[in-house]
């Protein structure tokens, strides 16, 4: 049942971001300091900088044991693909695919640590790591919402002249 729950949650998250309108950003956010085109790729170095994520994913595929590690490395692959796609042609609609995988990998890592340290956390704090995992996920979701709405109102980078 746990695998089905995780799969349905993952599909719900993806569906949410596919069907929800992009949060508008100040368009100067999408202008990078290094926007050179090399080998026919716009923003070459921004796209190419995702290669290490692909290498980490490949190493993870070889060494991953169990579903939690495979999920984490799938998030690393999605980070490489989403970030490459966004940096190839930056716009509001693609920005979520640059950020969402980072959130998934980061939250997954925190959740795994809180689960592993469940008993010691409870012994020292009187609150279970499992409960903290859920509180952290909820707080992180709210913080992401605040971050996105604030970014929509404030320019993030200075515009090149």
N, C-alpha and C. Protein backbone atom coordinates (compact mmCIF):
# COMPACT_ATOMS: atom_id res chain seq x y z
N UNK A 1 0.82 -1.20 0.00
CA UNK A 1 0.00 0.00 0.00
C UNK A 1 0.86 1.26 0.00
N UNK A 2 2.00 1.21 0.68
CA UNK A 2 2.87 2.39 0.75
C UNK A 2 3.36 2.81 -0.62
N UNK A 3 3.74 1.85 -1.45
CA UNK A 3 4.20 2.17 -2.81
C UNK A 3 3.11 2.84 -3.63
N UNK A 4 1.88 2.36 -3.48
CA UNK A 4 0.77 2.96 -4.21
C UNK A 4 0.51 4.38 -3.72
N UNK A 5 0.60 4.59 -2.42
CA UNK A 5 0.40 5.94 -1.88
C UNK A 5 1.47 6.89 -2.40
N UNK A 6 2.71 6.44 -2.40
CA UNK A 6 3.80 7.29 -2.88
C UNK A 6 3.62 7.60 -4.36
N UNK A 7 3.22 6.60 -5.13
CA UNK A 7 3.01 6.81 -6.56
C UNK A 7 1.86 7.79 -6.80
N UNK A 8 0.76 7.61 -6.09
CA UNK A 8 -0.38 8.51 -6.29
C UNK A 8 -0.05 9.93 -5.84
N UNK A 9 0.72 10.07 -4.76
CA UNK A 9 1.14 11.40 -4.32
C UNK A 9 2.03 12.05 -5.38
N UNK A 10 2.98 11.27 -5.90
CA UNK A 10 3.87 11.81 -6.93
C UNK A 10 3.11 12.24 -8.17
N UNK A 11 2.16 11.44 -8.59
CA UNK A 11 1.35 11.80 -9.76
C UNK A 11 0.51 13.04 -9.48
N UNK A 12 0.00 13.17 -8.27
CA UNK A 12 -0.79 14.35 -7.91
C UNK A 12 0.07 15.61 -7.96
N UNK A 13 1.29 15.53 -7.46
CA UNK A 13 2.20 16.68 -7.49
C UNK A 13 2.51 17.07 -8.92
N UNK A 14 2.83 16.10 -9.75
CA UNK A 14 3.13 16.39 -11.16
C UNK A 14 1.91 16.99 -11.85
N UNK A 15 0.73 16.40 -11.64
CA UNK A 15 -0.49 16.93 -12.25
C UNK A 15 -0.74 18.36 -11.81
N UNK A 16 -0.51 18.64 -10.54
CA UNK A 16 -0.71 20.00 -10.03
C UNK A 16 0.15 20.99 -10.81
N UNK A 17 1.43 20.67 -10.99
CA UNK A 17 2.32 21.60 -11.65
C UNK A 17 2.13 21.63 -13.17
N UNK A 18 1.60 20.57 -13.74
CA UNK A 18 1.33 20.56 -15.17
C UNK A 18 0.12 21.43 -15.49
N UNK A 19 -0.91 21.35 -14.64
CA UNK A 19 -2.17 22.01 -14.95
C UNK A 19 -2.36 23.36 -14.28
N UNK A 20 -1.51 23.71 -13.33
CA UNK A 20 -1.60 25.01 -12.68
C UNK A 20 -0.84 26.03 -13.53
N UNK A 21 -1.41 27.20 -13.67
CA UNK A 21 -0.72 28.25 -14.44
C UNK A 21 0.60 28.62 -13.79
N UNK A 22 1.55 28.96 -14.61
CA UNK A 22 2.85 29.38 -14.09
C UNK A 22 2.69 30.66 -13.28
N UNK A 23 3.45 30.76 -12.22
CA UNK A 23 3.44 31.98 -11.41
C UNK A 23 4.28 33.01 -12.15
N UNK A 24 3.68 34.14 -12.52
CA UNK A 24 4.42 35.11 -13.31
C UNK A 24 5.61 35.70 -12.54
N UNK A 25 6.72 35.80 -13.21
CA UNK A 25 7.93 36.39 -12.65
C UNK A 25 8.22 37.69 -13.39
N UNK A 26 8.96 38.56 -12.75
CA UNK A 26 9.49 39.70 -13.47
C UNK A 26 10.37 39.12 -14.58
N UNK A 27 10.18 39.54 -15.81
CA UNK A 27 10.86 38.91 -16.94
C UNK A 27 12.37 39.10 -16.91
N UNK A 28 12.87 40.05 -16.15
CA UNK A 28 14.32 40.20 -16.03
C UNK A 28 14.93 39.01 -15.28
N UNK A 29 14.10 38.27 -14.55
CA UNK A 29 14.57 37.08 -13.84
C UNK A 29 15.17 36.07 -14.81
N UNK A 30 14.64 36.02 -16.02
CA UNK A 30 15.06 35.02 -17.00
C UNK A 30 16.28 35.45 -17.83
N UNK A 31 16.85 36.60 -17.55
CA UNK A 31 18.04 37.07 -18.27
C UNK A 31 19.27 36.73 -17.44
N UNK A 32 20.13 35.90 -18.00
CA UNK A 32 21.31 35.43 -17.29
C UNK A 32 22.53 36.26 -17.64
N UNK A 33 23.47 36.34 -16.71
CA UNK A 33 24.70 37.08 -16.95
C UNK A 33 25.46 36.48 -18.14
N UNK A 34 25.51 35.16 -18.21
CA UNK A 34 26.21 34.49 -19.31
C UNK A 34 25.16 33.83 -20.20
N UNK A 35 24.79 34.51 -21.27
CA UNK A 35 23.76 33.98 -22.17
C UNK A 35 24.33 33.60 -23.54
N UNK A 36 25.63 33.28 -23.55
CA UNK A 36 26.28 32.94 -24.82
C UNK A 36 25.70 31.66 -25.43
N UNK A 37 25.65 31.64 -26.75
CA UNK A 37 25.26 30.45 -27.50
C UNK A 37 26.54 29.77 -27.99
N UNK A 38 26.71 28.52 -27.64
CA UNK A 38 27.84 27.71 -28.11
C UNK A 38 27.28 26.40 -28.64
N UNK A 39 27.86 25.90 -29.70
CA UNK A 39 27.42 24.65 -30.33
C UNK A 39 25.92 24.65 -30.60
N UNK A 40 25.38 25.82 -30.89
CA UNK A 40 23.96 25.93 -31.20
C UNK A 40 23.03 25.94 -30.00
N UNK A 41 23.58 25.88 -28.79
CA UNK A 41 22.75 25.88 -27.58
C UNK A 41 22.75 27.26 -26.94
N UNK A 42 21.58 27.90 -26.84
CA UNK A 42 21.52 29.17 -26.12
C UNK A 42 21.77 28.94 -24.63
N UNK A 43 22.36 29.92 -23.99
CA UNK A 43 22.68 29.82 -22.55
C UNK A 43 23.50 28.55 -22.27
N UNK A 44 24.46 28.30 -23.14
CA UNK A 44 25.19 27.03 -23.13
C UNK A 44 25.68 26.62 -21.75
N UNK A 45 26.39 27.51 -21.06
CA UNK A 45 26.99 27.11 -19.79
C UNK A 45 25.95 26.87 -18.71
N UNK A 46 24.83 27.56 -18.79
CA UNK A 46 23.75 27.31 -17.84
C UNK A 46 23.12 25.94 -18.08
N UNK A 47 23.00 25.55 -19.34
CA UNK A 47 22.46 24.23 -19.67
C UNK A 47 23.49 23.16 -19.33
N UNK A 48 24.74 23.38 -19.76
CA UNK A 48 25.80 22.40 -19.58
C UNK A 48 26.11 22.15 -18.10
N UNK A 49 25.85 23.13 -17.25
CA UNK A 49 26.15 22.98 -15.82
C UNK A 49 25.30 21.89 -15.16
N UNK A 50 24.34 21.34 -15.86
CA UNK A 50 23.52 20.26 -15.32
C UNK A 50 24.13 18.89 -15.56
N UNK A 51 25.22 18.83 -16.29
CA UNK A 51 25.89 17.55 -16.54
C UNK A 51 26.25 16.82 -15.23
N UNK A 52 26.77 17.50 -14.21
CA UNK A 52 27.08 16.77 -12.96
C UNK A 52 25.86 16.06 -12.37
N UNK A 53 24.67 16.63 -12.53
CA UNK A 53 23.47 15.94 -12.03
C UNK A 53 23.26 14.63 -12.78
N UNK A 54 23.50 14.66 -14.09
CA UNK A 54 23.37 13.42 -14.86
C UNK A 54 24.39 12.38 -14.42
N UNK A 55 25.60 12.82 -14.12
CA UNK A 55 26.64 11.89 -13.65
C UNK A 55 26.28 11.31 -12.29
N UNK A 56 25.75 12.14 -11.40
CA UNK A 56 25.32 11.66 -10.08
C UNK A 56 24.18 10.66 -10.25
N UNK A 57 23.24 10.97 -11.14
CA UNK A 57 22.14 10.06 -11.40
C UNK A 57 22.65 8.71 -11.91
N UNK A 58 23.59 8.75 -12.85
CA UNK A 58 24.14 7.52 -13.41
C UNK A 58 24.82 6.69 -12.31
N UNK A 59 25.63 7.34 -11.49
CA UNK A 59 26.28 6.64 -10.38
C UNK A 59 25.23 6.08 -9.42
N UNK A 60 24.17 6.86 -9.19
CA UNK A 60 23.10 6.40 -8.31
C UNK A 60 22.37 5.20 -8.87
N UNK A 61 22.18 5.16 -10.18
CA UNK A 61 21.51 4.00 -10.80
C UNK A 61 22.33 2.73 -10.59
N UNK A 62 23.62 2.88 -10.62
CA UNK A 62 24.50 1.71 -10.47
C UNK A 62 24.50 1.23 -9.02
N UNK A 63 24.47 2.16 -8.07
CA UNK A 63 24.65 1.81 -6.66
C UNK A 63 23.38 1.83 -5.81
N UNK A 64 22.30 2.36 -6.32
CA UNK A 64 21.08 2.52 -5.52
C UNK A 64 20.55 1.17 -5.05
N UNK A 65 20.16 1.13 -3.79
CA UNK A 65 19.56 -0.06 -3.21
C UNK A 65 18.23 0.34 -2.58
N UNK A 66 17.19 -0.27 -3.00
CA UNK A 66 15.88 0.00 -2.42
C UNK A 66 15.18 1.18 -3.05
N UNK A 67 13.89 1.26 -2.78
CA UNK A 67 13.05 2.29 -3.38
C UNK A 67 13.44 3.70 -2.93
N UNK A 68 13.72 3.96 -1.63
CA UNK A 68 14.05 5.34 -1.25
C UNK A 68 15.23 5.92 -2.02
N UNK A 69 16.28 5.14 -2.20
CA UNK A 69 17.43 5.65 -2.94
C UNK A 69 17.10 5.84 -4.42
N UNK A 70 16.31 4.96 -4.97
CA UNK A 70 15.92 5.10 -6.38
C UNK A 70 15.06 6.35 -6.59
N UNK A 71 14.17 6.62 -5.64
CA UNK A 71 13.35 7.83 -5.73
C UNK A 71 14.23 9.07 -5.67
N UNK A 72 15.18 9.07 -4.75
CA UNK A 72 16.07 10.23 -4.63
C UNK A 72 16.85 10.45 -5.93
N UNK A 73 17.38 9.39 -6.51
CA UNK A 73 18.16 9.55 -7.74
C UNK A 73 17.27 9.90 -8.93
N UNK A 74 16.01 9.46 -8.90
CA UNK A 74 15.07 9.91 -9.93
C UNK A 74 14.88 11.41 -9.83
N UNK A 75 14.84 11.94 -8.61
CA UNK A 75 14.76 13.39 -8.41
C UNK A 75 15.98 14.11 -8.95
N UNK A 76 17.15 13.50 -8.80
CA UNK A 76 18.37 14.09 -9.35
C UNK A 76 18.30 14.13 -10.88
N UNK A 77 17.80 13.06 -11.49
CA UNK A 77 17.63 13.05 -12.95
C UNK A 77 16.64 14.13 -13.37
N UNK A 78 15.53 14.25 -12.66
CA UNK A 78 14.54 15.28 -13.00
C UNK A 78 15.12 16.68 -12.82
N UNK A 79 16.01 16.84 -11.86
CA UNK A 79 16.69 18.13 -11.69
C UNK A 79 17.51 18.45 -12.93
N UNK A 80 18.27 17.49 -13.42
CA UNK A 80 19.10 17.71 -14.61
C UNK A 80 18.24 18.04 -15.82
N UNK A 81 17.18 17.28 -16.02
CA UNK A 81 16.33 17.49 -17.20
C UNK A 81 15.54 18.79 -17.10
N UNK A 82 14.92 19.03 -15.93
CA UNK A 82 14.10 20.23 -15.76
C UNK A 82 14.93 21.50 -15.83
N UNK A 83 16.08 21.50 -15.18
CA UNK A 83 16.93 22.68 -15.19
C UNK A 83 17.52 22.93 -16.57
N UNK A 84 17.90 21.87 -17.27
CA UNK A 84 18.41 22.04 -18.64
C UNK A 84 17.35 22.62 -19.55
N UNK A 85 16.12 22.11 -19.44
CA UNK A 85 15.03 22.61 -20.26
C UNK A 85 14.76 24.08 -19.98
N UNK A 86 14.70 24.44 -18.70
CA UNK A 86 14.45 25.85 -18.34
C UNK A 86 15.56 26.75 -18.88
N UNK A 87 16.82 26.37 -18.64
CA UNK A 87 17.93 27.25 -19.05
C UNK A 87 18.10 27.31 -20.56
N UNK A 88 17.65 26.28 -21.28
CA UNK A 88 17.70 26.30 -22.74
C UNK A 88 16.78 27.40 -23.29
N UNK A 89 15.62 27.54 -22.68
CA UNK A 89 14.65 28.54 -23.13
C UNK A 89 13.87 29.06 -21.92
N UNK A 90 14.49 29.96 -21.14
CA UNK A 90 13.89 30.38 -19.87
C UNK A 90 12.59 31.18 -20.04
N UNK A 91 11.57 30.74 -19.33
CA UNK A 91 10.32 31.48 -19.26
C UNK A 91 9.57 31.04 -18.00
N UNK A 92 8.46 31.70 -17.73
CA UNK A 92 7.70 31.42 -16.51
C UNK A 92 7.21 29.98 -16.46
N UNK A 93 6.74 29.45 -17.57
CA UNK A 93 6.16 28.10 -17.59
C UNK A 93 7.20 27.03 -17.29
N UNK A 94 8.43 27.24 -17.72
CA UNK A 94 9.47 26.23 -17.51
C UNK A 94 10.18 26.36 -16.17
N UNK A 95 10.02 27.50 -15.53
CA UNK A 95 10.73 27.73 -14.27
C UNK A 95 10.37 26.71 -13.21
N UNK A 96 9.13 26.30 -13.17
CA UNK A 96 8.71 25.32 -12.16
C UNK A 96 9.47 24.01 -12.32
N UNK A 97 9.81 23.64 -13.55
CA UNK A 97 10.53 22.39 -13.78
C UNK A 97 12.01 22.52 -13.42
N UNK A 98 12.47 23.75 -13.27
CA UNK A 98 13.81 23.98 -12.75
C UNK A 98 13.81 23.84 -11.23
N UNK A 99 12.75 24.28 -10.58
CA UNK A 99 12.70 24.33 -9.11
C UNK A 99 12.09 23.10 -8.46
N UNK A 100 11.06 22.53 -9.07
CA UNK A 100 10.34 21.43 -8.44
C UNK A 100 11.23 20.23 -8.10
N UNK A 101 12.09 19.75 -9.00
CA UNK A 101 12.91 18.59 -8.63
C UNK A 101 13.84 18.87 -7.45
N UNK A 102 14.36 20.08 -7.35
CA UNK A 102 15.20 20.43 -6.19
C UNK A 102 14.40 20.28 -4.91
N UNK A 103 13.18 20.76 -4.95
CA UNK A 103 12.32 20.66 -3.79
C UNK A 103 12.06 19.21 -3.42
N UNK A 104 11.79 18.38 -4.42
CA UNK A 104 11.51 16.97 -4.17
C UNK A 104 12.73 16.29 -3.55
N UNK A 105 13.90 16.49 -4.14
CA UNK A 105 15.12 15.85 -3.63
C UNK A 105 15.43 16.36 -2.22
N UNK A 106 15.32 17.67 -2.01
CA UNK A 106 15.62 18.23 -0.69
C UNK A 106 14.66 17.74 0.37
N UNK A 107 13.37 17.80 0.09
CA UNK A 107 12.39 17.33 1.07
C UNK A 107 12.51 15.84 1.31
N UNK A 108 12.79 15.09 0.26
CA UNK A 108 12.96 13.65 0.41
C UNK A 108 14.14 13.35 1.33
N UNK A 109 15.24 14.07 1.13
CA UNK A 109 16.41 13.86 1.99
C UNK A 109 16.13 14.19 3.44
N UNK A 110 15.47 15.31 3.69
CA UNK A 110 15.12 15.69 5.06
C UNK A 110 14.18 14.66 5.67
N UNK A 111 13.18 14.23 4.89
CA UNK A 111 12.22 13.24 5.38
C UNK A 111 12.91 11.93 5.75
N UNK A 112 13.85 11.50 4.93
CA UNK A 112 14.56 10.26 5.23
C UNK A 112 15.39 10.38 6.50
N UNK A 113 16.06 11.51 6.68
CA UNK A 113 16.85 11.71 7.90
C UNK A 113 15.97 11.73 9.14
N UNK A 114 14.82 12.40 9.06
CA UNK A 114 13.93 12.45 10.21
C UNK A 114 13.36 11.07 10.53
N UNK A 115 13.11 10.27 9.52
CA UNK A 115 12.63 8.90 9.76
C UNK A 115 13.73 8.04 10.39
N UNK A 116 14.94 8.13 9.88
CA UNK A 116 16.05 7.34 10.41
C UNK A 116 16.32 7.71 11.87
N UNK A 117 16.22 8.99 12.18
CA UNK A 117 16.51 9.46 13.54
C UNK A 117 15.26 9.61 14.40
N UNK A 118 14.19 8.91 14.03
CA UNK A 118 12.90 9.04 14.72
C UNK A 118 13.03 8.83 16.23
N UNK A 119 13.61 7.73 16.66
CA UNK A 119 13.68 7.41 18.09
C UNK A 119 14.61 8.37 18.84
N UNK A 120 15.84 8.62 18.33
CA UNK A 120 16.68 9.59 19.06
C UNK A 120 16.06 10.98 19.15
N UNK A 121 15.37 11.39 18.11
CA UNK A 121 14.70 12.70 18.15
C UNK A 121 13.64 12.70 19.24
N UNK A 122 12.86 11.62 19.29
CA UNK A 122 11.81 11.53 20.31
C UNK A 122 12.41 11.51 21.71
N UNK A 123 13.50 10.79 21.89
CA UNK A 123 14.14 10.70 23.20
C UNK A 123 14.68 12.05 23.67
N UNK A 124 15.17 12.87 22.75
CA UNK A 124 15.75 14.16 23.12
C UNK A 124 14.75 15.31 23.12
N UNK A 125 13.78 15.25 22.23
CA UNK A 125 12.85 16.38 22.09
C UNK A 125 11.43 16.07 22.58
N UNK A 126 11.11 14.79 22.72
CA UNK A 126 9.75 14.43 23.09
C UNK A 126 8.77 14.54 21.94
N UNK A 127 9.29 14.72 20.73
CA UNK A 127 8.49 14.81 19.51
C UNK A 127 9.10 13.83 18.52
N UNK A 128 8.27 13.05 17.84
CA UNK A 128 8.83 12.04 16.94
C UNK A 128 9.38 12.67 15.67
N UNK A 129 10.39 12.03 15.11
CA UNK A 129 10.93 12.46 13.83
C UNK A 129 9.90 12.35 12.73
N UNK A 130 9.02 11.35 12.86
CA UNK A 130 7.96 11.17 11.87
C UNK A 130 7.04 12.38 11.84
N UNK A 131 6.67 12.88 13.01
CA UNK A 131 5.81 14.07 13.06
C UNK A 131 6.55 15.29 12.51
N UNK A 132 7.82 15.41 12.86
CA UNK A 132 8.62 16.54 12.35
C UNK A 132 8.74 16.48 10.83
N UNK A 133 8.78 15.28 10.28
CA UNK A 133 8.84 15.12 8.82
C UNK A 133 7.60 15.75 8.18
N UNK A 134 6.45 15.48 8.75
CA UNK A 134 5.22 16.04 8.19
C UNK A 134 5.14 17.55 8.38
N UNK A 135 5.55 18.02 9.54
CA UNK A 135 5.56 19.47 9.78
C UNK A 135 6.53 20.17 8.84
N UNK A 136 7.68 19.57 8.62
CA UNK A 136 8.68 20.14 7.72
C UNK A 136 8.15 20.21 6.29
N UNK A 137 7.50 19.15 5.84
CA UNK A 137 6.94 19.14 4.49
C UNK A 137 5.88 20.22 4.33
N UNK A 138 5.02 20.36 5.33
CA UNK A 138 3.98 21.39 5.27
C UNK A 138 4.58 22.79 5.28
N UNK A 139 5.55 23.02 6.16
CA UNK A 139 6.19 24.33 6.24
C UNK A 139 6.96 24.64 4.96
N UNK A 140 7.64 23.65 4.41
CA UNK A 140 8.39 23.87 3.17
C UNK A 140 7.46 24.21 2.02
N UNK A 141 6.31 23.56 1.97
CA UNK A 141 5.34 23.87 0.92
C UNK A 141 4.86 25.31 1.05
N UNK A 142 4.57 25.73 2.27
CA UNK A 142 4.13 27.10 2.50
C UNK A 142 5.24 28.10 2.15
N UNK A 143 6.47 27.79 2.54
CA UNK A 143 7.60 28.67 2.23
C UNK A 143 7.81 28.78 0.71
N UNK A 144 7.66 27.66 0.00
CA UNK A 144 7.78 27.70 -1.46
C UNK A 144 6.72 28.62 -2.05
N UNK A 145 5.50 28.51 -1.54
CA UNK A 145 4.42 29.39 -2.00
C UNK A 145 4.79 30.85 -1.77
N UNK A 146 5.27 31.18 -0.57
CA UNK A 146 5.66 32.56 -0.27
C UNK A 146 6.80 33.02 -1.16
N UNK A 147 7.77 32.14 -1.39
CA UNK A 147 8.92 32.46 -2.23
C UNK A 147 8.46 32.77 -3.65
N UNK A 148 7.59 31.94 -4.18
CA UNK A 148 7.12 32.13 -5.55
C UNK A 148 6.31 33.41 -5.69
N UNK A 149 5.42 33.68 -4.74
CA UNK A 149 4.60 34.88 -4.85
C UNK A 149 5.43 36.14 -4.64
N UNK A 150 6.42 36.08 -3.78
CA UNK A 150 7.31 37.24 -3.59
C UNK A 150 8.16 37.47 -4.83
N UNK A 151 8.64 36.38 -5.43
CA UNK A 151 9.46 36.49 -6.64
C UNK A 151 8.66 37.08 -7.79
N UNK A 152 7.37 36.82 -7.80
CA UNK A 152 6.54 37.36 -8.87
C UNK A 152 6.41 38.87 -8.78
N UNK A 153 6.62 39.43 -7.59
CA UNK A 153 6.46 40.86 -7.38
C UNK A 153 7.77 41.64 -7.42
N UNK A 154 8.90 40.94 -7.28
CA UNK A 154 10.19 41.60 -7.13
C UNK A 154 11.18 41.11 -8.18
N UNK A 155 11.83 42.02 -8.89
CA UNK A 155 12.88 41.57 -9.82
C UNK A 155 13.99 40.86 -9.06
N UNK A 156 14.47 39.75 -9.61
CA UNK A 156 15.48 38.95 -8.94
C UNK A 156 16.90 39.27 -9.40
N UNK A 157 17.02 39.83 -10.58
CA UNK A 157 18.35 40.13 -11.10
C UNK A 157 18.33 41.52 -11.72
N UNK A 158 19.49 42.09 -11.80
CA UNK A 158 19.60 43.37 -12.50
C UNK A 158 19.59 43.09 -14.00
N UNK A 159 18.87 43.88 -14.73
CA UNK A 159 18.78 43.71 -16.18
C UNK A 159 20.07 44.17 -16.82
N UNK A 160 20.56 43.37 -17.79
CA UNK A 160 21.77 43.76 -18.51
C UNK A 160 21.44 44.94 -19.40
N UNK A 161 22.38 45.85 -19.55
CA UNK A 161 22.17 47.00 -20.43
C UNK A 161 22.92 46.82 -21.72
